[in-house]
C-alpha atoms as a PDB file:
ATOM      1  CA  MET A   1      99.317 104.488 -42.758  1.00  0.00           C
ATOM      2  CA  GLY A   2     102.013 103.173 -45.099  1.00  0.00           C
ATOM      3  CA  GLN A   3      99.908 104.031 -48.187  1.00  0.00           C
ATOM      4  CA  LEU A   4     100.066 107.740 -47.331  1.00  0.00           C
ATOM      5  CA  VAL A   5     101.356 109.671 -50.369  1.00  0.00           C
ATOM      6  CA  LEU A   6     103.915 112.388 -49.636  1.00  0.00           C
ATOM      7  CA  GLY A   7     104.160 115.533 -51.691  1.00  0.00           C
ATOM      8  CA  GLY A   8     100.771 115.206 -53.444  1.00  0.00           C
ATOM      9  CA  LEU A   9     100.011 113.157 -56.582  1.00  0.00           C
ATOM     10  CA  GLY A  10     102.924 111.228 -57.998  1.00  0.00           C
ATOM     11  CA  GLY A  11     104.914 111.452 -54.802  1.00  0.00           C
ATOM     12  CA  PRO A  12     106.421 108.507 -52.961  1.00  0.00           C
ATOM     13  CA  ARG A  13     104.404 106.542 -50.464  1.00  0.00           C
ATOM     14  CA  LEU A  14     105.395 106.681 -46.790  1.00  0.00           C
ATOM     15  CA  GLU A  15     106.200 102.968 -46.675  1.00  0.00           C
ATOM     16  CA  GLU A  16     108.743 103.437 -49.475  1.00  0.00           C
ATOM     17  CA  ILE A  17     110.954 105.794 -47.518  1.00  0.00           C
ATOM     18  CA  ALA A  18     110.271 104.741 -43.909  1.00  0.00           C
ATOM     19  CA  SER A  19     109.370 101.735 -41.817  1.00  0.00           C
ATOM     20  CA  VAL A  20     105.896 102.199 -40.406  1.00  0.00           C
ATOM     21  CA  GLU A  21     104.735 100.333 -37.303  1.00  0.00           C
ATOM     22  CA  LYS A  22     102.295 100.961 -34.510  1.00  0.00           C
ATOM     23  CA  ALA A  23     103.628 101.784 -31.046  1.00  0.00           C
ATOM     24  CA  GLN A  24     102.543 103.579 -27.867  1.00  0.00           C
ATOM     25  CA  GLY A  25     103.733 107.138 -27.305  1.00  0.00           C
ATOM     26  CA  PRO A  26     102.791 110.348 -25.558  1.00  0.00           C
ATOM     27  CA  ALA A  27      99.898 112.369 -26.889  1.00  0.00           C
ATOM     28  CA  THR A  28     101.879 115.556 -26.309  1.00  0.00           C
ATOM     29  CA  VAL A  29     105.553 116.259 -25.745  1.00  0.00           C
ATOM     30  CA  THR A  30     106.510 118.896 -23.154  1.00  0.00           C
ATOM     31  CA  ARG A  31     109.914 120.519 -23.231  1.00  0.00           C
ATOM     32  CA  VAL A  32     111.710 122.605 -20.604  1.00  0.00           C
ATOM     33  CA  ASP A  33     114.892 124.367 -21.705  1.00  0.00           C
ATOM     34  CA  GLN A  34     114.687 122.430 -25.003  1.00  0.00           C
ATOM     35  CA  ARG A  35     114.702 119.123 -23.127  1.00  0.00           C
ATOM     36  CA  ARG A  36     111.840 116.659 -22.948  1.00  0.00           C
ATOM     37  CA  ALA A  37     110.113 116.821 -19.579  1.00  0.00           C
ATOM     38  CA  ALA A  38     107.279 115.217 -17.659  1.00  0.00           C
ATOM     39  CA  THR A  39     105.410 116.939 -14.839  1.00  0.00           C
ATOM     40  CA  ILE A  40     104.082 115.138 -11.761  1.00  0.00           C
ATOM     41  CA  THR A  41     101.654 117.112  -9.611  1.00  0.00           C
ATOM     42  CA  ALA A  42     100.083 116.456  -6.215  1.00  0.00           C
ATOM     43  CA  SER A  43      98.034 118.311  -3.628  1.00  0.00           C
ATOM     44  CA  ILE A  44      99.302 118.900  -0.089  1.00  0.00           C
ATOM     45  CA  THR A  45      96.622 117.932   2.414  1.00  0.00           C
ATOM     46  CA  GLY A  46      98.533 118.882   5.582  1.00  0.00           C
ATOM     47  CA  SER A  47      99.658 122.224   6.949  1.00  0.00           C
ATOM     48  CA  ASP A  48     103.327 121.286   7.346  1.00  0.00           C
ATOM     49  CA  VAL A  49     104.582 122.350   3.938  1.00  0.00           C
ATOM     50  CA  GLY A  50     108.186 122.273   5.114  1.00  0.00           C
ATOM     51  CA  GLY A  51     107.851 118.692   6.313  1.00  0.00           C
ATOM     52  CA  VAL A  52     106.298 117.634   3.012  1.00  0.00           C
ATOM     53  CA  SER A  53     109.112 119.348   1.134  1.00  0.00           C
ATOM     54  CA  GLY A  54     111.712 117.439   3.135  1.00  0.00           C
ATOM     55  CA  ARG A  55     109.899 114.150   2.525  1.00  0.00           C
ATOM     56  CA  VAL A  56     109.748 114.838  -1.207  1.00  0.00           C
ATOM     57  CA  ASP A  57     113.477 115.575  -1.249  1.00  0.00           C
ATOM     58  CA  ASP A  58     114.124 112.241   0.445  1.00  0.00           C
ATOM     59  CA  LEU A  59     111.955 110.375  -2.045  1.00  0.00           C
ATOM     60  CA  VAL A  60     113.663 112.040  -5.010  1.00  0.00           C
ATOM     61  CA  SER A  61     117.107 111.173  -3.664  1.00  0.00           C
ATOM     62  CA  GLU A  62     116.078 107.526  -3.230  1.00  0.00           C
ATOM     63  CA  VAL A  63     114.834 107.126  -6.801  1.00  0.00           C
ATOM     64  CA  GLU A  64     117.274 105.489  -9.225  1.00  0.00           C
ATOM     65  CA  LYS A  65     117.522 107.743 -12.252  1.00  0.00           C
ATOM     66  CA  GLU A  66     118.760 106.804 -15.696  1.00  0.00           C
ATOM     67  CA  PRO A  67     121.804 108.636 -17.085  1.00  0.00           C
ATOM     68  CA  GLY A  68     120.775 112.045 -18.376  1.00  0.00           C
ATOM     69  CA  VAL A  69     117.584 112.166 -16.301  1.00  0.00           C
ATOM     70  CA  GLU A  70     117.222 115.162 -14.015  1.00  0.00           C
ATOM     71  CA  VAL A  71     114.543 115.687 -11.364  1.00  0.00           C
ATOM     72  CA  ARG A  72     113.563 119.206 -10.324  1.00  0.00           C
ATOM     73  CA  ILE A  73     111.164 120.150  -7.544  1.00  0.00           C
ATOM     74  CA  GLY A  74     108.972 123.141  -8.329  1.00  0.00           C
ATOM     75  CA  GLY A  75     105.599 124.548  -7.482  1.00  0.00           C
ATOM     76  CA  ILE A  76     104.992 125.700  -3.933  1.00  0.00           C
ATOM     77  CA  PHE A  77     108.309 124.231  -2.765  1.00  0.00           C
ATOM     78  CA  GLU A  78     110.264 126.372  -5.219  1.00  0.00           C
ATOM     79  CA  GLN A  79     108.217 129.424  -4.278  1.00  0.00           C
ATOM     80  CA  GLN A  80     108.867 128.730  -0.599  1.00  0.00           C
ATOM     81  CA  GLU A  81     112.628 128.518  -1.135  1.00  0.00           C
ATOM     82  CA  GLU A  82     112.596 131.800  -3.047  1.00  0.00           C
ATOM     83  CA  ALA A  83     110.549 133.456  -0.301  1.00  0.00           C
ATOM     84  CA  PHE A  84     112.967 132.167   2.351  1.00  0.00           C
ATOM     85  CA  SER A  85     115.938 133.544   0.410  1.00  0.00           C
ATOM     86  CA  ASP A  86     114.231 136.928   0.021  1.00  0.00           C
ATOM     87  CA  LEU A  87     113.461 137.087   3.742  1.00  0.00           C
ATOM     88  CA  TYR A  88     117.041 136.181   4.705  1.00  0.00           C
ATOM     89  CA  LEU A  89     118.262 138.981   2.448  1.00  0.00           C
ATOM     90  CA  ALA A  90     115.714 141.368   3.949  1.00  0.00           C
ATOM     91  CA  MET A  91     116.917 140.476   7.459  1.00  0.00           C
ATOM     92  CA  GLY A  92     120.508 141.228   6.539  1.00  0.00           C
ATOM     93  CA  ILE A  93     119.545 144.561   5.016  1.00  0.00           C
ATOM     94  CA  ALA A  94     117.373 145.364   8.050  1.00  0.00           C
ATOM     95  CA  VAL A  95     120.290 144.804  10.434  1.00  0.00           C
ATOM     96  CA  ILE A  96     122.530 147.097   8.370  1.00  0.00           C
ATOM     97  CA  VAL A  97     119.847 149.800   8.172  1.00  0.00           C
ATOM     98  CA  VAL A  98     119.180 149.602  11.922  1.00  0.00           C
ATOM     99  CA  TYR A  99     122.892 149.949  12.636  1.00  0.00           C
ATOM    100  CA  ILE A 100     123.222 152.964  10.343  1.00  0.00           C
ATOM    101  CA  VAL A 101     120.209 154.659  11.942  1.00  0.00           C
ATOM    102  CA  MET A 102     121.599 154.068  15.445  1.00  0.00           C
ATOM    103  CA  VAL A 103     125.021 155.408  14.449  1.00  0.00           C
ATOM    104  CA  ALA A 104     123.405 158.568  13.104  1.00  0.00           C
ATOM    105  CA  SER A 105     121.199 158.943  16.185  1.00  0.00           C
ATOM    106  CA  LEU A 106     123.670 158.024  18.944  1.00  0.00           C
ATOM    107  CA  GLY A 107     126.766 159.511  17.303  1.00  0.00           C
ATOM    108  CA  SER A 108     128.852 156.448  18.080  1.00  0.00           C
ATOM    109  CA  LEU A 109     130.096 153.375  16.265  1.00  0.00           C
ATOM    110  CA  VAL A 110     130.638 151.207  19.345  1.00  0.00           C
ATOM    111  CA  ASN A 111     127.322 151.620  21.192  1.00  0.00           C
ATOM    112  CA  PRO A 112     125.167 150.588  18.218  1.00  0.00           C
ATOM    113  CA  PHE A 113     127.424 147.555  17.796  1.00  0.00           C
ATOM    114  CA  ILE A 114     126.836 146.655  21.460  1.00  0.00           C
ATOM    115  CA  ILE A 115     123.085 147.078  21.014  1.00  0.00           C
ATOM    116  CA  LEU A 116     123.115 144.656  18.060  1.00  0.00           C
ATOM    117  CA  PHE A 117     124.201 141.903  20.464  1.00  0.00           C
ATOM    118  CA  SER A 118     120.562 141.753  21.576  1.00  0.00           C
ATOM    119  CA  LEU A 119     119.514 140.381  18.174  1.00  0.00           C
ATOM    120  CA  PRO A 120     120.895 136.821  18.580  1.00  0.00           C
ATOM    121  CA  PHE A 121     118.604 136.406  21.595  1.00  0.00           C
ATOM    122  CA  ILE A 122     115.639 136.575  19.220  1.00  0.00           C
ATOM    123  CA  SER A 123     116.178 133.093  17.854  1.00  0.00           C
ATOM    124  CA  VAL A 124     116.422 131.547  21.337  1.00  0.00           C
ATOM    125  CA  GLY A 125     112.915 132.471  22.386  1.00  0.00           C
ATOM    126  CA  ALA A 126     111.398 132.189  18.915  1.00  0.00           C
ATOM    127  CA  PHE A 127     112.524 128.604  18.299  1.00  0.00           C
ATOM    128  CA  PHE A 128     111.651 127.568  21.851  1.00  0.00           C
ATOM    129  CA  ALA A 129     108.142 129.014  21.512  1.00  0.00           C
ATOM    130  CA  LEU A 130     107.615 127.223  18.189  1.00  0.00           C
ATOM    131  CA  PHE A 131     108.881 123.974  19.728  1.00  0.00           C
ATOM    132  CA  VAL A 132     106.554 124.226  22.733  1.00  0.00           C
ATOM    133  CA  THR A 133     103.500 125.030  20.618  1.00  0.00           C
ATOM    134  CA  GLY A 134     104.363 122.456  17.942  1.00  0.00           C
ATOM    135  CA  ARG A 135     104.281 124.977  15.120  1.00  0.00           C
ATOM    136  CA  ASP A 136     106.474 125.083  12.035  1.00  0.00           C
ATOM    137  CA  ILE A 137     109.317 127.414  11.107  1.00  0.00           C
ATOM    138  CA  GLY A 138     107.672 128.801   8.008  1.00  0.00           C
ATOM    139  CA  LEU A 139     107.253 132.114   6.293  1.00  0.00           C
ATOM    140  CA  PRO A 140     105.077 133.606   9.064  1.00  0.00           C
ATOM    141  CA  ALA A 141     107.796 132.789  11.599  1.00  0.00           C
ATOM    142  CA  LEU A 142     110.466 134.440   9.464  1.00  0.00           C
ATOM    143  CA  ILE A 143     108.269 137.498   8.968  1.00  0.00           C
ATOM    144  CA  GLY A 144     107.977 137.708  12.758  1.00  0.00           C
ATOM    145  CA  LEU A 145     111.766 137.547  13.095  1.00  0.00           C
ATOM    146  CA  LEU A 146     112.089 140.328  10.528  1.00  0.00           C
ATOM    147  CA  MET A 147     109.716 142.494  12.555  1.00  0.00           C
ATOM    148  CA  LEU A 148     111.626 141.793  15.771  1.00  0.00           C
ATOM    149  CA  ILE A 149     114.876 143.203  14.391  1.00  0.00           C
ATOM    150  CA  GLY A 150     113.463 146.691  14.850  1.00  0.00           C
ATOM    151  CA  ILE A 151     111.472 145.933  18.014  1.00  0.00           C
ATOM    152  CA  VAL A 152     114.064 144.165  20.165  1.00  0.00           C
ATOM    153  CA  VAL A 153     116.809 146.781  19.848  1.00  0.00           C
ATOM    154  CA  THR A 154     114.576 149.429  21.428  1.00  0.00           C
ATOM    155  CA  ASN A 155     115.083 147.932  24.908  1.00  0.00           C
ATOM    156  CA  ALA A 156     118.858 148.050  24.553  1.00  0.00           C
ATOM    157  CA  ILE A 157     118.676 151.580  23.105  1.00  0.00           C
ATOM    158  CA  VAL A 158     116.669 152.792  26.110  1.00  0.00           C
ATOM    159  CA  LEU A 159     119.191 151.262  28.515  1.00  0.00           C
ATOM    160  CA  ILE A 160     122.425 152.279  26.780  1.00  0.00           C
ATOM    161  CA  THR A 161     121.221 155.827  26.062  1.00  0.00           C
ATOM    162  CA  PHE A 162     120.425 156.414  29.735  1.00  0.00           C
ATOM    163  CA  VAL A 163     123.758 154.904  30.812  1.00  0.00           C
ATOM    164  CA  GLU A 164     125.603 157.253  28.452  1.00  0.00           C
ATOM    165  CA  MET A 165     123.701 160.182  29.921  1.00  0.00           C
ATOM    166  CA  LEU A 166     124.721 159.165  33.446  1.00  0.00           C
ATOM    167  CA  LYS A 167     128.358 158.825  32.381  1.00  0.00           C
ATOM    168  CA  GLY A 168     128.139 162.315  30.963  1.00  0.00           C
ATOM    169  CA  ARG A 169     127.203 163.503  34.460  1.00  0.00           C
ATOM    170  CA  GLY A 170     130.458 162.118  35.851  1.00  0.00           C
ATOM    171  CA  LEU A 171     129.523 158.612  36.971  1.00  0.00           C
ATOM    172  CA  SER A 172     131.783 155.659  36.270  1.00  0.00           C
ATOM    173  CA  SER A 173     130.710 152.909  33.878  1.00  0.00           C
ATOM    174  CA  ARG A 174     129.845 150.538  36.706  1.00  0.00           C
ATOM    175  CA  GLU A 175     127.820 153.116  38.638  1.00  0.00           C
ATOM    176  CA  ALA A 176     126.057 154.253  35.467  1.00  0.00           C
ATOM    177  CA  LEU A 177     125.128 150.661  34.568  1.00  0.00           C
ATOM    178  CA  LEU A 178     123.806 149.894  38.031  1.00  0.00           C
ATOM    179  CA  GLN A 179     121.779 153.070  38.300  1.00  0.00           C
ATOM    180  CA  GLY A 180     120.620 152.880  34.692  1.00  0.00           C
ATOM    181  CA  GLY A 181     119.524 149.281  35.114  1.00  0.00           C
ATOM    182  CA  ARG A 182     117.495 150.096  38.233  1.00  0.00           C
ATOM    183  CA  SER A 183     115.888 153.119  36.580  1.00  0.00           C
ATOM    184  CA  ARG A 184     115.066 151.554  33.209  1.00  0.00           C
ATOM    185  CA  VAL A 185     114.145 147.990  34.138  1.00  0.00           C
ATOM    186  CA  ARG A 186     110.536 148.940  34.880  1.00  0.00           C
ATOM    187  CA  PRO A 187     109.716 150.759  31.598  1.00  0.00           C
ATOM    188  CA  ILE A 188     111.527 148.058  29.591  1.00  0.00           C
ATOM    189  CA  LEU A 189     109.539 145.277  31.267  1.00  0.00           C
ATOM    190  CA  MET A 190     106.283 147.223  30.993  1.00  0.00           C
ATOM    191  CA  THR A 191     106.593 147.752  27.227  1.00  0.00           C
ATOM    192  CA  ALA A 192     107.731 144.164  26.598  1.00  0.00           C
ATOM    193  CA  PHE A 193     105.011 142.502  28.658  1.00  0.00           C
ATOM    194  CA  ALA A 194     102.329 144.824  27.307  1.00  0.00           C
ATOM    195  CA  THR A 195     103.183 143.634  23.792  1.00  0.00           C
ATOM    196  CA  ILE A 196     103.344 140.001  24.908  1.00  0.00           C
ATOM    197  CA  PHE A 197      99.956 140.062  26.662  1.00  0.00           C
ATOM    198  CA  ALA A 198      98.376 141.814  23.687  1.00  0.00           C
ATOM    199  CA  LEU A 199      99.540 139.026  21.350  1.00  0.00           C
ATOM    200  CA  ILE A 200      98.536 136.072  23.546  1.00  0.00           C
ATOM    201  CA  PRO A 201      94.919 135.894  22.227  1.00  0.00           C
ATOM    202  CA  LEU A 202      96.216 135.961  18.667  1.00  0.00           C
ATOM    203  CA  SER A 203      98.759 133.211  19.337  1.00  0.00           C
ATOM    204  CA  LEU A 204      96.058 131.023  20.894  1.00  0.00           C
ATOM    205  CA  GLY A 205      93.771 131.463  17.911  1.00  0.00           C
ATOM    206  CA  LEU A 206      91.124 133.279  19.958  1.00  0.00           C
ATOM    207  CA  SER A 207      90.738 136.022  17.358  1.00  0.00           C
ATOM    208  CA  GLY A 208      88.543 133.798  15.192  1.00  0.00           C
ATOM    209  CA  GLY A 209      88.809 133.016  11.512  1.00  0.00           C
ATOM    210  CA  GLY A 210      91.533 130.401  11.932  1.00  0.00           C
ATOM    211  CA  ILE A 211      94.365 132.649  10.740  1.00  0.00           C
ATOM    212  CA  ILE A 212      97.282 130.229  11.078  1.00  0.00           C
ATOM    213  CA  ILE A 213      99.767 132.759   9.722  1.00  0.00           C
ATOM    214  CA  ALA A 214      98.914 135.235  12.483  1.00  0.00           C
ATOM    215  CA  GLU A 215      99.175 132.516  15.133  1.00  0.00           C
ATOM    216  CA  GLU A 216     102.708 131.515  14.111  1.00  0.00           C
ATOM    217  CA  LEU A 217     103.807 135.145  13.816  1.00  0.00           C
ATOM    218  CA  ALA A 218     102.419 135.993  17.259  1.00  0.00           C
ATOM    219  CA  THR A 219     104.075 132.923  18.778  1.00  0.00           C
ATOM    220  CA  VAL A 220     107.474 133.954  17.426  1.00  0.00           C
ATOM    221  CA  VAL A 221     107.112 137.544  18.625  1.00  0.00           C
ATOM    222  CA  ILE A 222     106.027 136.480  22.121  1.00  0.00           C
ATOM    223  CA  GLY A 223     108.841 133.979  22.622  1.00  0.00           C
ATOM    224  CA  ALA A 224     111.554 136.168  21.144  1.00  0.00           C
ATOM    225  CA  LEU A 225     110.452 139.313  22.945  1.00  0.00           C
ATOM    226  CA  PHE A 226     110.350 137.542  26.310  1.00  0.00           C
ATOM    227  CA  THR A 227     113.811 135.979  26.120  1.00  0.00           C
ATOM    228  CA  SER A 228     115.450 138.956  24.437  1.00  0.00           C
ATOM    229  CA  THR A 229     114.114 141.320  27.106  1.00  0.00           C
ATOM    230  CA  MET A 230     115.337 139.127  29.960  1.00  0.00           C
ATOM    231  CA  LEU A 231     118.733 138.499  28.396  1.00  0.00           C
ATOM    232  CA  THR A 232     119.155 142.107  27.261  1.00  0.00           C
ATOM    233  CA  LEU A 233     118.944 143.311  30.855  1.00  0.00           C
ATOM    234  CA  VAL A 234     121.782 140.949  31.789  1.00  0.00           C
ATOM    235  CA  VAL A 235     124.021 140.461  28.758  1.00  0.00           C
ATOM    236  CA  ILE A 236     124.010 143.970  27.260  1.00  0.00           C
ATOM    237  CA  PRO A 237     125.330 145.617  30.480  1.00  0.00           C
ATOM    238  CA  VAL A 238     128.079 142.985  30.661  1.00  0.00           C
ATOM    239  CA  ILE A 239     129.122 143.582  27.044  1.00  0.00           C
ATOM    240  CA  TYR A 240     128.945 147.351  27.555  1.00  0.00           C
ATOM    241  CA  SER A 241     131.165 147.032  30.623  1.00  0.00           C
ATOM    242  CA  LEU A 242     133.719 144.944  28.708  1.00  0.00           C
ATOM    243  CA  PHE A 243     133.886 147.440  25.850  1.00  0.00           C
ATOM    244  CA  SER A 244     134.101 150.326  28.312  1.00  0.00           C
ATOM    245  CA  ASP A 245     137.020 148.706  30.165  1.00  0.00           C
ATOM    246  CA  LEU A 246     138.743 147.966  26.861  1.00  0.00           C
ATOM    247  CA  GLY A 247     138.320 151.571  25.750  1.00  0.00           C
ATOM    248  CA  GLU A 248     139.766 152.888  29.015  1.00  0.00           C
ATOM    249  CA  ARG A 249     142.790 150.605  28.684  1.00  0.00           C
ATOM    250  CA  LEU A 250     143.420 151.772  25.125  1.00  0.00           C
ATOM    251  CA  ARG A 251     143.126 155.412  26.152  1.00  0.00           C
ATOM    252  CA  ALA A 252     145.521 154.809  29.061  1.00  0.00           C
ATOM    253  CA  ARG A 253     148.112 153.277  26.728  1.00  0.00           C
ATOM    254  CA  THR A 254     147.876 156.040  24.152  1.00  0.00           C
END
């Protein structure tokens, strides 16, 4: 190696201008952002991608790294984080769009705001259903929550719209809520339970094909729809009554 002539005939030999010795080194050098990098890959054998991601984060944090060494987690974990961020953004946009549509349809700023109080009940039933069935909070679950933003508010819309109609006929807020609740509880329960019963075979995996994504999505929809329907019939009238009393007090003062 040291006898290698540089620059053709008559040029200096390599050993004259450099020290040549044998040593071990990488066959190829990979660079990311102009920095030397090494890639470690592995295959996930389980279905709990989120759990594996958390375990990898723990392992990376436990490793002692030399100064200047940086460890980045990529692959499916990076894609999952990006998908989660996109879904969170989509949920926020969906809530805003639903509110705007209700304002345009109902002609009020307060009633749509009251109806949006039914959305927090989604997470109660969804997380409880996932906990009972032992399933993960993954992308299918978040997709189910995104779908429920438009589904759950329909029960509150049906109730509040009928209550407003009764108030327009001269009934007080309390009388309108009581009569509206008695009149609309049956159709609200019928539509909710019809959807729940239709999704039970899918959540149990009886549809065949082993579609895990559909099972998690159906589980979230069933749990969230059940709790949101029950709580909507109780909490939404209470919130509507509070806002109605507050509005009457403000009108009395002005």
